[in-house]
Amino acid sequence: MGYVISGVEKEIDDDGFLLEADLSEEAVNDIAAAQGLALTDDHRTIINYLREKYKEDGHTPNLRNLIKGLQDDGAMPDASSNKLFELFPDGGAAKQGVKIAGLPKPFGKGGY
């Protein structure tokens, strides 16, 4: 069973990632609700960054590059591994954040 976004069921893989990206705001809200996560401004900053990198590069950054990118572009100067895992406790921003952003499964280092 997939996520229902704006009344339409979207297909997911075995790990709960959308098979096709959905960049709507409804996707973020509906997937976050399904994950039991109340979104803050910090969550949205990371989600927007992940979506921008996906649009630019065709994939999302791994955790290390995500932290560096958030720091370097000023979106979140205090970004750290600990902070991102506090915000996204089920796998961190490079996994759970990508899922909530409505993006397909990342295939970074380690093949996750």
PDB file of N, CA and C in Angstrom:
ATOM      1  N   MET A   1       0.842  -1.184   0.000  1.00  0.00           N
ATOM      2  CA  MET A   1       0.000   0.000   0.000  1.00  0.00           C
ATOM      3  C   MET A   1       0.884   1.243   0.000  1.00  0.00           C
ATOM      4  N   GLY A   2       0.516   2.240  -0.753  1.00  0.00           N
ATOM      5  CA  GLY A   2       1.306   3.458  -0.861  1.00  0.00           C
ATOM      6  C   GLY A   2       0.746   4.574  -0.006  1.00  0.00           C
ATOM      7  N   TYR A   3       1.207   5.771  -0.282  1.00  0.00           N
ATOM      8  CA  TYR A   3       0.705   6.970   0.390  1.00  0.00           C
ATOM      9  C   TYR A   3      -0.457   7.523  -0.421  1.00  0.00           C
ATOM     10  N   VAL A   4      -1.453   8.047   0.269  1.00  0.00           N
ATOM     11  CA  VAL A   4      -2.547   8.733  -0.400  1.00  0.00           C
ATOM     12  C   VAL A   4      -2.229  10.224  -0.331  1.00  0.00           C
ATOM     13  N   ILE A   5      -2.007  10.817  -1.496  1.00  0.00           N
ATOM     14  CA  ILE A   5      -1.641  12.226  -1.598  1.00  0.00           C
ATOM     15  C   ILE A   5      -2.693  12.924  -2.437  1.00  0.00           C
ATOM     16  N   SER A   6      -3.380  13.866  -1.841  1.00  0.00           N
ATOM     17  CA  SER A   6      -4.465  14.597  -2.513  1.00  0.00           C
ATOM     18  C   SER A   6      -5.499  13.620  -3.084  1.00  0.00           C
ATOM     19  N   GLY A   7      -5.783  12.573  -2.330  1.00  0.00           N
ATOM     20  CA  GLY A   7      -6.796  11.610  -2.730  1.00  0.00           C
ATOM     21  C   GLY A   7      -6.342  10.577  -3.735  1.00  0.00           C
ATOM     22  N   VAL A   8      -5.079  10.615  -4.132  1.00  0.00           N
ATOM     23  CA  VAL A   8      -4.553   9.664  -5.118  1.00  0.00           C
ATOM     24  C   VAL A   8      -3.505   8.788  -4.439  1.00  0.00           C
ATOM     25  N   GLU A   9      -3.650   7.467  -4.578  1.00  0.00           N
ATOM     26  CA  GLU A   9      -2.661   6.569  -3.996  1.00  0.00           C
ATOM     27  C   GLU A   9      -1.417   6.515  -4.880  1.00  0.00           C
ATOM     28  N   LYS A  10      -0.269   6.786  -4.274  1.00  0.00           N
ATOM     29  CA  LYS A  10       1.018   6.777  -4.973  1.00  0.00           C
ATOM     30  C   LYS A  10       1.771   5.508  -4.612  1.00  0.00           C
ATOM     31  N   GLU A  11       2.379   4.889  -5.603  1.00  0.00           N
ATOM     32  CA  GLU A  11       3.132   3.655  -5.375  1.00  0.00           C
ATOM     33  C   GLU A  11       4.431   3.927  -4.638  1.00  0.00           C
ATOM     34  N   ILE A  12       4.770   2.992  -3.750  1.00  0.00           N
ATOM     35  CA  ILE A  12       6.020   3.074  -3.000  1.00  0.00           C
ATOM     36  C   ILE A  12       6.792   1.772  -3.151  1.00  0.00           C
ATOM     37  N   ASP A  13       8.095   1.837  -2.841  1.00  0.00           N
ATOM     38  CA  ASP A  13       8.904   0.623  -2.857  1.00  0.00           C
ATOM     39  C   ASP A  13       8.806  -0.064  -1.499  1.00  0.00           C
ATOM     40  N   ASP A  14       9.562  -1.126  -1.314  1.00  0.00           N
ATOM     41  CA  ASP A  14       9.510  -1.903  -0.072  1.00  0.00           C
ATOM     42  C   ASP A  14       9.962  -1.116   1.155  1.00  0.00           C
ATOM     43  N   ASP A  15      10.721  -0.033   0.931  1.00  0.00           N
ATOM     44  CA  ASP A  15      11.208   0.785   2.043  1.00  0.00           C
ATOM     45  C   ASP A  15      10.365   2.026   2.282  1.00  0.00           C
ATOM     46  N   GLY A  16       9.276   2.186   1.539  1.00  0.00           N
ATOM     47  CA  GLY A  16       8.365   3.306   1.751  1.00  0.00           C
ATOM     48  C   GLY A  16       8.689   4.569   0.986  1.00  0.00           C
ATOM     49  N   PHE A  17       9.593   4.488  -0.002  1.00  0.00           N
ATOM     50  CA  PHE A  17       9.914   5.649  -0.832  1.00  0.00           C
ATOM     51  C   PHE A  17       9.000   5.656  -2.054  1.00  0.00           C
ATOM     52  N   LEU A  18       8.585   6.845  -2.475  1.00  0.00           N
ATOM     53  CA  LEU A  18       7.790   6.948  -3.699  1.00  0.00           C
ATOM     54  C   LEU A  18       8.596   6.428  -4.885  1.00  0.00           C
ATOM     55  N   LEU A  19       7.928   5.748  -5.800  1.00  0.00           N
ATOM     56  CA  LEU A  19       8.606   5.268  -7.002  1.00  0.00           C
ATOM     57  C   LEU A  19       8.852   6.419  -7.972  1.00  0.00           C
ATOM     58  N   GLU A  20       7.954   7.410  -7.970  1.00  0.00           N
ATOM     59  CA  GLU A  20       8.114   8.604  -8.792  1.00  0.00           C
ATOM     60  C   GLU A  20       7.995   9.815  -7.888  1.00  0.00           C
ATOM     61  N   ALA A  21       8.869  10.788  -8.106  1.00  0.00           N
ATOM     62  CA  ALA A  21       8.879  11.987  -7.262  1.00  0.00           C
ATOM     63  C   ALA A  21       7.542  12.717  -7.336  1.00  0.00           C
ATOM     64  N   ASP A  22       7.135  13.256  -6.199  1.00  0.00           N
ATOM     65  CA  ASP A  22       5.965  14.127  -6.108  1.00  0.00           C
ATOM     66  C   ASP A  22       6.426  15.369  -5.361  1.00  0.00           C
ATOM     67  N   LEU A  23       6.562  16.480  -6.061  1.00  0.00           N
ATOM     68  CA  LEU A  23       7.114  17.697  -5.477  1.00  0.00           C
ATOM     69  C   LEU A  23       6.035  18.652  -4.967  1.00  0.00           C
ATOM     70  N   SER A  24       4.826  18.132  -4.770  1.00  0.00           N
ATOM     71  CA  SER A  24       3.755  18.979  -4.260  1.00  0.00           C
ATOM     72  C   SER A  24       3.889  19.166  -2.744  1.00  0.00           C
ATOM     73  N   GLU A  25       3.314  20.243  -2.262  1.00  0.00           N
ATOM     74  CA  GLU A  25       3.303  20.498  -0.821  1.00  0.00           C
ATOM     75  C   GLU A  25       2.431  19.468  -0.106  1.00  0.00           C
ATOM     76  N   GLU A  26       1.394  18.990  -0.797  1.00  0.00           N
ATOM     77  CA  GLU A  26       0.526  17.965  -0.228  1.00  0.00           C
ATOM     78  C   GLU A  26       1.304  16.687   0.057  1.00  0.00           C
ATOM     79  N   ALA A  27       2.242  16.350  -0.835  1.00  0.00           N
ATOM     80  CA  ALA A  27       3.063  15.151  -0.626  1.00  0.00           C
ATOM     81  C   ALA A  27       3.832  15.254   0.687  1.00  0.00           C
ATOM     82  N   VAL A  28       4.465  16.393   0.911  1.00  0.00           N
ATOM     83  CA  VAL A  28       5.231  16.601   2.145  1.00  0.00           C
ATOM     84  C   VAL A  28       4.321  16.427   3.356  1.00  0.00           C
ATOM     85  N   ASN A  29       3.199  17.110   3.340  1.00  0.00           N
ATOM     86  CA  ASN A  29       2.298  17.071   4.490  1.00  0.00           C
ATOM     87  C   ASN A  29       1.716  15.676   4.726  1.00  0.00           C
ATOM     88  N   ASP A  30       1.297  15.018   3.652  1.00  0.00           N
ATOM     89  CA  ASP A  30       0.671  13.700   3.795  1.00  0.00           C
ATOM     90  C   ASP A  30       1.673  12.626   4.218  1.00  0.00           C
ATOM     91  N   ILE A  31       2.876  12.658   3.658  1.00  0.00           N
ATOM     92  CA  ILE A  31       3.883  11.659   4.022  1.00  0.00           C
ATOM     93  C   ILE A  31       4.377  11.900   5.445  1.00  0.00           C
ATOM     94  N   ALA A  32       4.577  13.162   5.807  1.00  0.00           N
ATOM     95  CA  ALA A  32       4.993  13.470   7.185  1.00  0.00           C
ATOM     96  C   ALA A  32       3.941  12.983   8.183  1.00  0.00           C
ATOM     97  N   ALA A  33       2.677  13.207   7.867  1.00  0.00           N
ATOM     98  CA  ALA A  33       1.599  12.746   8.749  1.00  0.00           C
ATOM     99  C   ALA A  33       1.611  11.226   8.857  1.00  0.00           C
ATOM    100  N   ALA A  34       1.809  10.542   7.736  1.00  0.00           N
ATOM    101  CA  ALA A  34       1.868   9.080   7.760  1.00  0.00           C
ATOM    102  C   ALA A  34       3.064   8.583   8.574  1.00  0.00           C
ATOM    103  N   GLN A  35       4.148   9.372   8.601  1.00  0.00           N
ATOM    104  CA  GLN A  35       5.347   9.017   9.364  1.00  0.00           C
ATOM    105  C   GLN A  35       5.227   9.447  10.830  1.00  0.00           C
ATOM    106  N   GLY A  36       4.157  10.175  11.164  1.00  0.00           N
ATOM    107  CA  GLY A  36       3.957  10.643  12.533  1.00  0.00           C
ATOM    108  C   GLY A  36       4.885  11.778  12.921  1.00  0.00           C
ATOM    109  N   LEU A  37       5.268  12.601  11.946  1.00  0.00           N
ATOM    110  CA  LEU A  37       6.221  13.676  12.181  1.00  0.00           C
ATOM    111  C   LEU A  37       5.543  15.037  11.986  1.00  0.00           C
ATOM    112  N   ALA A  38       5.592  15.871  13.029  1.00  0.00           N
ATOM    113  CA  ALA A  38       5.081  17.243  12.938  1.00  0.00           C
ATOM    114  C   ALA A  38       6.216  18.115  12.424  1.00  0.00           C
ATOM    115  N   LEU A  39       6.017  18.746  11.291  1.00  0.00           N
ATOM    116  CA  LEU A  39       7.089  19.493  10.632  1.00  0.00           C
ATOM    117  C   LEU A  39       7.287  20.882  11.220  1.00  0.00           C
ATOM    118  N   THR A  40       8.551  21.231  11.397  1.00  0.00           N
ATOM    119  CA  THR A  40       8.950  22.565  11.853  1.00  0.00           C
ATOM    120  C   THR A  40       9.611  23.296  10.691  1.00  0.00           C
ATOM    121  N   ASP A  41      10.004  24.535  10.917  1.00  0.00           N
ATOM    122  CA  ASP A  41      10.724  25.284   9.885  1.00  0.00           C
ATOM    123  C   ASP A  41      12.038  24.597   9.523  1.00  0.00           C
ATOM    124  N   ASP A  42      12.723  24.011  10.517  1.00  0.00           N
ATOM    125  CA  ASP A  42      13.969  23.297  10.239  1.00  0.00           C
ATOM    126  C   ASP A  42      13.729  22.097   9.328  1.00  0.00           C
ATOM    127  N   HIS A  43      12.648  21.351   9.575  1.00  0.00           N
ATOM    128  CA  HIS A  43      12.307  20.227   8.691  1.00  0.00           C
ATOM    129  C   HIS A  43      12.120  20.729   7.262  1.00  0.00           C
ATOM    130  N   ARG A  44      11.360  21.810   7.130  1.00  0.00           N
ATOM    131  CA  ARG A  44      11.041  22.331   5.802  1.00  0.00           C
ATOM    132  C   ARG A  44      12.281  22.871   5.090  1.00  0.00           C
ATOM    133  N   THR A  45      13.212  23.447   5.843  1.00  0.00           N
ATOM    134  CA  THR A  45      14.462  23.912   5.249  1.00  0.00           C
ATOM    135  C   THR A  45      15.206  22.744   4.614  1.00  0.00           C
ATOM    136  N   ILE A  46      15.290  21.649   5.333  1.00  0.00           N
ATOM    137  CA  ILE A  46      15.994  20.463   4.836  1.00  0.00           C
ATOM    138  C   ILE A  46      15.245  19.848   3.657  1.00  0.00           C
ATOM    139  N   ILE A  47      13.938  19.735   3.771  1.00  0.00           N
ATOM    140  CA  ILE A  47      13.127  19.170   2.695  1.00  0.00           C
ATOM    141  C   ILE A  47      13.282  20.001   1.424  1.00  0.00           C
ATOM    142  N   ASN A  48      13.209  21.314   1.544  1.00  0.00           N
ATOM    143  CA  ASN A  48      13.368  22.180   0.372  1.00  0.00           C
ATOM    144  C   ASN A  48      14.755  22.045  -0.232  1.00  0.00           C
ATOM    145  N   TYR A  49      15.778  21.935   0.609  1.00  0.00           N
ATOM    146  CA  TYR A  49      17.144  21.750   0.113  1.00  0.00           C
ATOM    147  C   TYR A  49      17.259  20.419  -0.646  1.00  0.00           C
ATOM    148  N   LEU A  50      16.714  19.350  -0.077  1.00  0.00           N
ATOM    149  CA  LEU A  50      16.753  18.043  -0.733  1.00  0.00           C
ATOM    150  C   LEU A  50      16.051  18.090  -2.091  1.00  0.00           C
ATOM    151  N   ARG A  51      14.917  18.756  -2.149  1.00  0.00           N
ATOM    152  CA  ARG A  51      14.184  18.866  -3.407  1.00  0.00           C
ATOM    153  C   ARG A  51      14.972  19.654  -4.452  1.00  0.00           C
ATOM    154  N   GLU A  52      15.609  20.734  -4.032  1.00  0.00           N
ATOM    155  CA  GLU A  52      16.418  21.528  -4.960  1.00  0.00           C
ATOM    156  C   GLU A  52      17.587  20.709  -5.507  1.00  0.00           C
ATOM    157  N   LYS A  53      18.273  19.983  -4.637  1.00  0.00           N
ATOM    158  CA  LYS A  53      19.398  19.152  -5.088  1.00  0.00           C
ATOM    159  C   LYS A  53      18.897  18.051  -6.027  1.00  0.00           C
ATOM    160  N   TYR A  54      17.732  17.495  -5.752  1.00  0.00           N
ATOM    161  CA  TYR A  54      17.163  16.469  -6.620  1.00  0.00           C
ATOM    162  C   TYR A  54      16.882  17.060  -8.009  1.00  0.00           C
ATOM    163  N   LYS A  55      16.297  18.258  -8.037  1.00  0.00           N
ATOM    164  CA  LYS A  55      15.995  18.898  -9.323  1.00  0.00           C
ATOM    165  C   LYS A  55      17.281  19.252 -10.079  1.00  0.00           C
ATOM    166  N   GLU A  56      18.305  19.703  -9.362  1.00  0.00           N
ATOM    167  CA  GLU A  56      19.569  20.092  -9.997  1.00  0.00           C
ATOM    168  C   GLU A  56      20.388  18.892 -10.459  1.00  0.00           C
ATOM    169  N   ASP A  57      20.487  17.870  -9.602  1.00  0.00           N
ATOM    170  CA  ASP A  57      21.425  16.771  -9.830  1.00  0.00           C
ATOM    171  C   ASP A  57      20.776  15.448 -10.233  1.00  0.00           C
ATOM    172  N   GLY A  58      19.461  15.340 -10.079  1.00  0.00           N
ATOM    173  CA  GLY A  58      18.785  14.084 -10.396  1.00  0.00           C
ATOM    174  C   GLY A  58      18.861  13.061  -9.280  1.00  0.00           C
ATOM    175  N   HIS A  59      19.448  13.451  -8.150  1.00  0.00           N
ATOM    176  CA  HIS A  59      19.533  12.587  -6.973  1.00  0.00           C
ATOM    177  C   HIS A  59      19.749  13.478  -5.759  1.00  0.00           C
ATOM    178  N   THR A  60      19.654  12.885  -4.590  1.00  0.00           N
ATOM    179  CA  THR A  60      19.844  13.643  -3.351  1.00  0.00           C
ATOM    180  C   THR A  60      21.231  13.370  -2.783  1.00  0.00           C
ATOM    181  N   PRO A  61      21.759  14.316  -1.997  1.00  0.00           N
ATOM    182  CA  PRO A  61      23.100  14.127  -1.429  1.00  0.00           C
ATOM    183  C   PRO A  61      23.095  13.117  -0.289  1.00  0.00           C
ATOM    184  N   ASN A  62      24.255  12.493  -0.074  1.00  0.00           N
ATOM    185  CA  ASN A  62      24.391  11.634   1.105  1.00  0.00           C
ATOM    186  C   ASN A  62      24.453  12.540   2.338  1.00  0.00           C
ATOM    187  N   LEU A  63      24.464  11.954   3.517  1.00  0.00           N
ATOM    188  CA  LEU A  63      24.392  12.726   4.754  1.00  0.00           C
ATOM    189  C   LEU A  63      25.529  13.735   4.868  1.00  0.00           C
ATOM    190  N   ARG A  64      26.733  13.299   4.589  1.00  0.00           N
ATOM    191  CA  ARG A  64      27.889  14.197   4.709  1.00  0.00           C
ATOM    192  C   ARG A  64      27.756  15.408   3.791  1.00  0.00           C
ATOM    193  N   ASN A  65      27.397  15.178   2.534  1.00  0.00           N
ATOM    194  CA  ASN A  65      27.241  16.275   1.582  1.00  0.00           C
ATOM    195  C   ASN A  65      26.017  17.135   1.898  1.00  0.00           C
ATOM    196  N   LEU A  66      24.996  16.520   2.462  1.00  0.00           N
ATOM    197  CA  LEU A  66      23.811  17.264   2.871  1.00  0.00           C
ATOM    198  C   LEU A  66      24.174  18.262   3.969  1.00  0.00           C
ATOM    199  N   ILE A  67      24.884  17.806   4.983  1.00  0.00           N
ATOM    200  CA  ILE A  67      25.293  18.685   6.081  1.00  0.00           C
ATOM    201  C   ILE A  67      26.173  19.810   5.550  1.00  0.00           C
ATOM    202  N   LYS A  68      27.162  19.462   4.750  1.00  0.00           N
ATOM    203  CA  LYS A  68      28.079  20.474   4.196  1.00  0.00           C
ATOM    204  C   LYS A  68      27.322  21.477   3.339  1.00  0.00           C
ATOM    205  N   GLY A  69      26.421  21.007   2.512  1.00  0.00           N
ATOM    206  CA  GLY A  69      25.645  21.897   1.658  1.00  0.00           C
ATOM    207  C   GLY A  69      24.748  22.841   2.450  1.00  0.00           C
ATOM    208  N   LEU A  70      24.085  22.318   3.463  1.00  0.00           N
ATOM    209  CA  LEU A  70      23.237  23.164   4.307  1.00  0.00           C
ATOM    210  C   LEU A  70      24.053  24.240   5.011  1.00  0.00           C
ATOM    211  N   GLN A  71      25.246  23.868   5.452  1.00  0.00           N
ATOM    212  CA  GLN A  71      26.123  24.835   6.118  1.00  0.00           C
ATOM    213  C   GLN A  71      26.661  25.859   5.135  1.00  0.00           C
ATOM    214  N   ASP A  72      27.177  25.390   4.004  1.00  0.00           N
ATOM    215  CA  ASP A  72      27.849  26.262   3.038  1.00  0.00           C
ATOM    216  C   ASP A  72      26.908  27.268   2.378  1.00  0.00           C
ATOM    217  N   ASP A  73      25.684  26.854   2.083  1.00  0.00           N
ATOM    218  CA  ASP A  73      24.791  27.804   1.409  1.00  0.00           C
ATOM    219  C   ASP A  73      24.013  28.667   2.393  1.00  0.00           C
ATOM    220  N   GLY A  74      24.237  28.445   3.690  1.00  0.00           N
ATOM    221  CA  GLY A  74      23.616  29.278   4.712  1.00  0.00           C
ATOM    222  C   GLY A  74      22.193  28.896   5.071  1.00  0.00           C
ATOM    223  N   ALA A  75      21.673  27.833   4.463  1.00  0.00           N
ATOM    224  CA  ALA A  75      20.308  27.413   4.767  1.00  0.00           C
ATOM    225  C   ALA A  75      20.172  26.975   6.221  1.00  0.00           C
ATOM    226  N   MET A  76      21.219  26.318   6.733  1.00  0.00           N
ATOM    227  CA  MET A  76      21.232  25.856   8.111  1.00  0.00           C
ATOM    228  C   MET A  76      22.683  25.801   8.576  1.00  0.00           C
ATOM    229  N   PRO A  77      23.235  26.941   8.990  1.00  0.00           N
ATOM    230  CA  PRO A  77      24.646  26.995   9.387  1.00  0.00           C
ATOM    231  C   PRO A  77      25.011  26.052  10.533  1.00  0.00           C
ATOM    232  N   ASP A  78      24.034  25.723  11.376  1.00  0.00           N
ATOM    233  CA  ASP A  78      24.304  24.850  12.523  1.00  0.00           C
ATOM    234  C   ASP A  78      23.973  23.381  12.234  1.00  0.00           C
ATOM    235  N   ALA A  79      23.850  23.032  10.953  1.00  0.00           N
ATOM    236  CA  ALA A  79      23.540  21.642  10.590  1.00  0.00           C
ATOM    237  C   ALA A  79      24.638  20.711  11.096  1.00  0.00           C
ATOM    238  N   SER A  80      24.200  19.593  11.648  1.00  0.00           N
ATOM    239  CA  SER A  80      25.121  18.562  12.123  1.00  0.00           C
ATOM    240  C   SER A  80      24.418  17.221  12.023  1.00  0.00           C
ATOM    241  N   SER A  81      25.195  16.182  12.098  1.00  0.00           N
ATOM    242  CA  SER A  81      24.628  14.836  12.068  1.00  0.00           C
ATOM    243  C   SER A  81      23.613  14.661  13.191  1.00  0.00           C
ATOM    244  N   ASN A  82      23.983  15.085  14.390  1.00  0.00           N
ATOM    245  CA  ASN A  82      23.077  14.951  15.537  1.00  0.00           C
ATOM    246  C   ASN A  82      21.771  15.695  15.313  1.00  0.00           C
ATOM    247  N   LYS A  83      21.861  16.926  14.826  1.00  0.00           N
ATOM    248  CA  LYS A  83      20.663  17.732  14.614  1.00  0.00           C
ATOM    249  C   LYS A  83      19.747  17.081  13.579  1.00  0.00           C
ATOM    250  N   LEU A  84      20.329  16.592  12.484  1.00  0.00           N
ATOM    251  CA  LEU A  84      19.509  15.989  11.437  1.00  0.00           C
ATOM    252  C   LEU A  84      18.858  14.691  11.900  1.00  0.00           C
ATOM    253  N   PHE A  85      19.545  13.932  12.753  1.00  0.00           N
ATOM    254  CA  PHE A  85      18.933  12.710  13.285  1.00  0.00           C
ATOM    255  C   PHE A  85      17.880  13.019  14.341  1.00  0.00           C
ATOM    256  N   GLU A  86      18.012  14.151  15.037  1.00  0.00           N
ATOM    257  CA  GLU A  86      16.958  14.567  15.970  1.00  0.00           C
ATOM    258  C   GLU A  86      15.701  14.960  15.198  1.00  0.00           C
ATOM    259  N   LEU A  87      15.888  15.664  14.082  1.00  0.00           N
ATOM    260  CA  LEU A  87      14.752  16.098  13.274  1.00  0.00           C
ATOM    261  C   LEU A  87      14.084  14.935  12.542  1.00  0.00           C
ATOM    262  N   PHE A  88      14.880  14.020  12.064  1.00  0.00           N
ATOM    263  CA  PHE A  88      14.381  12.866  11.304  1.00  0.00           C
ATOM    264  C   PHE A  88      14.876  11.586  11.983  1.00  0.00           C
ATOM    265  N   PRO A  89      14.203  11.166  13.070  1.00  0.00           N
ATOM    266  CA  PRO A  89      14.706  10.065  13.887  1.00  0.00           C
ATOM    267  C   PRO A  89      14.665   8.683  13.230  1.00  0.00           C
ATOM    268  N   ASP A  90      13.914   8.537  12.162  1.00  0.00           N
ATOM    269  CA  ASP A  90      13.796   7.224  11.521  1.00  0.00           C
ATOM    270  C   ASP A  90      14.714   7.149  10.295  1.00  0.00           C
ATOM    271  N   GLY A  91      16.023   7.177  10.527  1.00  0.00           N
ATOM    272  CA  GLY A  91      16.972   7.036   9.426  1.00  0.00           C
ATOM    273  C   GLY A  91      17.691   8.309   9.045  1.00  0.00           C
ATOM    274  N   GLY A  92      17.353   9.424   9.672  1.00  0.00           N
ATOM    275  CA  GLY A  92      18.042  10.674   9.373  1.00  0.00           C
ATOM    276  C   GLY A  92      17.491  11.372   8.148  1.00  0.00           C
ATOM    277  N   ALA A  93      18.006  12.554   7.902  1.00  0.00           N
ATOM    278  CA  ALA A  93      17.514  13.384   6.803  1.00  0.00           C
ATOM    279  C   ALA A  93      17.827  12.795   5.437  1.00  0.00           C
ATOM    280  N   ALA A  94      18.937  12.074   5.331  1.00  0.00           N
ATOM    281  CA  ALA A  94      19.307  11.509   4.034  1.00  0.00           C
ATOM    282  C   ALA A  94      18.405  10.338   3.649  1.00  0.00           C
ATOM    283  N   LYS A  95      17.639   9.816   4.592  1.00  0.00           N
ATOM    284  CA  LYS A  95      16.681   8.745   4.288  1.00  0.00           C
ATOM    285  C   LYS A  95      15.259   9.214   4.559  1.00  0.00           C
ATOM    286  N   GLN A  96      14.910   9.431   5.835  1.00  0.00           N
ATOM    287  CA  GLN A  96      13.545   9.829   6.164  1.00  0.00           C
ATOM    288  C   GLN A  96      13.208  11.194   5.567  1.00  0.00           C
ATOM    289  N   GLY A  97      14.165  12.100   5.556  1.00  0.00           N
ATOM    290  CA  GLY A  97      13.927  13.414   4.956  1.00  0.00           C
ATOM    291  C   GLY A  97      13.605  13.310   3.477  1.00  0.00           C
ATOM    292  N   VAL A  98      14.329  12.450   2.783  1.00  0.00           N
ATOM    293  CA  VAL A  98      14.084  12.223   1.356  1.00  0.00           C
ATOM    294  C   VAL A  98      12.692  11.631   1.157  1.00  0.00           C
ATOM    295  N   LYS A  99      12.328  10.698   1.995  1.00  0.00           N
ATOM    296  CA  LYS A  99      11.010  10.063   1.902  1.00  0.00           C
ATOM    297  C   LYS A  99       9.915  11.116   2.068  1.00  0.00           C
ATOM    298  N   ILE A 100      10.028  11.956   3.102  1.00  0.00           N
ATOM    299  CA  ILE A 100       9.020  12.977   3.371  1.00  0.00           C
ATOM    300  C   ILE A 100       9.022  14.050   2.287  1.00  0.00           C
ATOM    301  N   ALA A 101      10.159  14.293   1.672  1.00  0.00           N
ATOM    302  CA  ALA A 101      10.243  15.268   0.573  1.00  0.00           C
ATOM    303  C   ALA A 101       9.509  14.786  -0.678  1.00  0.00           C
ATOM    304  N   GLY A 102       9.068  13.530  -0.677  1.00  0.00           N
ATOM    305  CA  GLY A 102       8.344  12.990  -1.827  1.00  0.00           C
ATOM    306  C   GLY A 102       9.246  12.554  -2.954  1.00  0.00           C
ATOM    307  N   LEU A 103      10.483  12.170  -2.591  1.00  0.00           N
ATOM    308  CA  LEU A 103      11.476  11.794  -3.600  1.00  0.00           C
ATOM    309  C   LEU A 103      11.721  10.286  -3.599  1.00  0.00           C
ATOM    310  N   PRO A 104      12.203   9.753  -4.719  1.00  0.00           N
ATOM    311  CA  PRO A 104      12.521   8.320  -4.785  1.00  0.00           C
ATOM    312  C   PRO A 104      13.687   7.967  -3.867  1.00  0.00           C
ATOM    313  N   LYS A 105      13.844   6.695  -3.633  1.00  0.00           N
ATOM    314  CA  LYS A 105      14.885   6.169  -2.753  1.00  0.00           C
ATOM    315  C   LYS A 105      16.278   6.616  -3.202  1.00  0.00           C
ATOM    316  N   PRO A 106      17.059   7.130  -2.247  1.00  0.00           N
ATOM    317  CA  PRO A 106      18.433   7.514  -2.591  1.00  0.00           C
ATOM    318  C   PRO A 106      19.327   6.281  -2.689  1.00  0.00           C
ATOM    319  N   PHE A 107      20.283   6.343  -3.555  1.00  0.00           N
ATOM    320  CA  PHE A 107      21.247   5.251  -3.694  1.00  0.00           C
ATOM    321  C   PHE A 107      22.631   5.803  -3.501  1.00  0.00           C
ATOM    322  N   GLY A 108      22.934   6.172  -2.259  1.00  0.00           N
ATOM    323  CA  GLY A 108      24.233   6.730  -1.918  1.00  0.00           C
ATOM    324  C   GLY A 108      25.211   5.662  -1.540  1.00  0.00           C
ATOM    325  N   LYS A 109      26.256   6.075  -0.877  1.00  0.00           N
ATOM    326  CA  LYS A 109      27.285   5.152  -0.415  1.00  0.00           C
ATOM    327  C   LYS A 109      26.639   4.066   0.428  1.00  0.00           C
ATOM    328  N   GLY A 110      26.997   2.845   0.193  1.00  0.00           N
ATOM    329  CA  GLY A 110      26.412   1.735   0.928  1.00  0.00           C
ATOM    330  C   GLY A 110      25.199   1.134   0.246  1.00  0.00           C
ATOM    331  N   GLY A 111      24.709   1.779  -0.816  1.00  0.00           N
ATOM    332  CA  GLY A 111      23.622   1.236  -1.608  1.00  0.00           C
ATOM    333  C   GLY A 111      22.273   1.233  -0.931  1.00  0.00           C
ATOM    334  N   TYR A 112      22.062   2.079   0.074  1.00  0.00           N
ATOM    335  CA  TYR A 112      20.757   2.077   0.754  1.00  0.00           C
ATOM    336  C   TYR A 112      19.664   2.647  -0.084  1.00  0.00           C
TER     337      TYR A 112
END
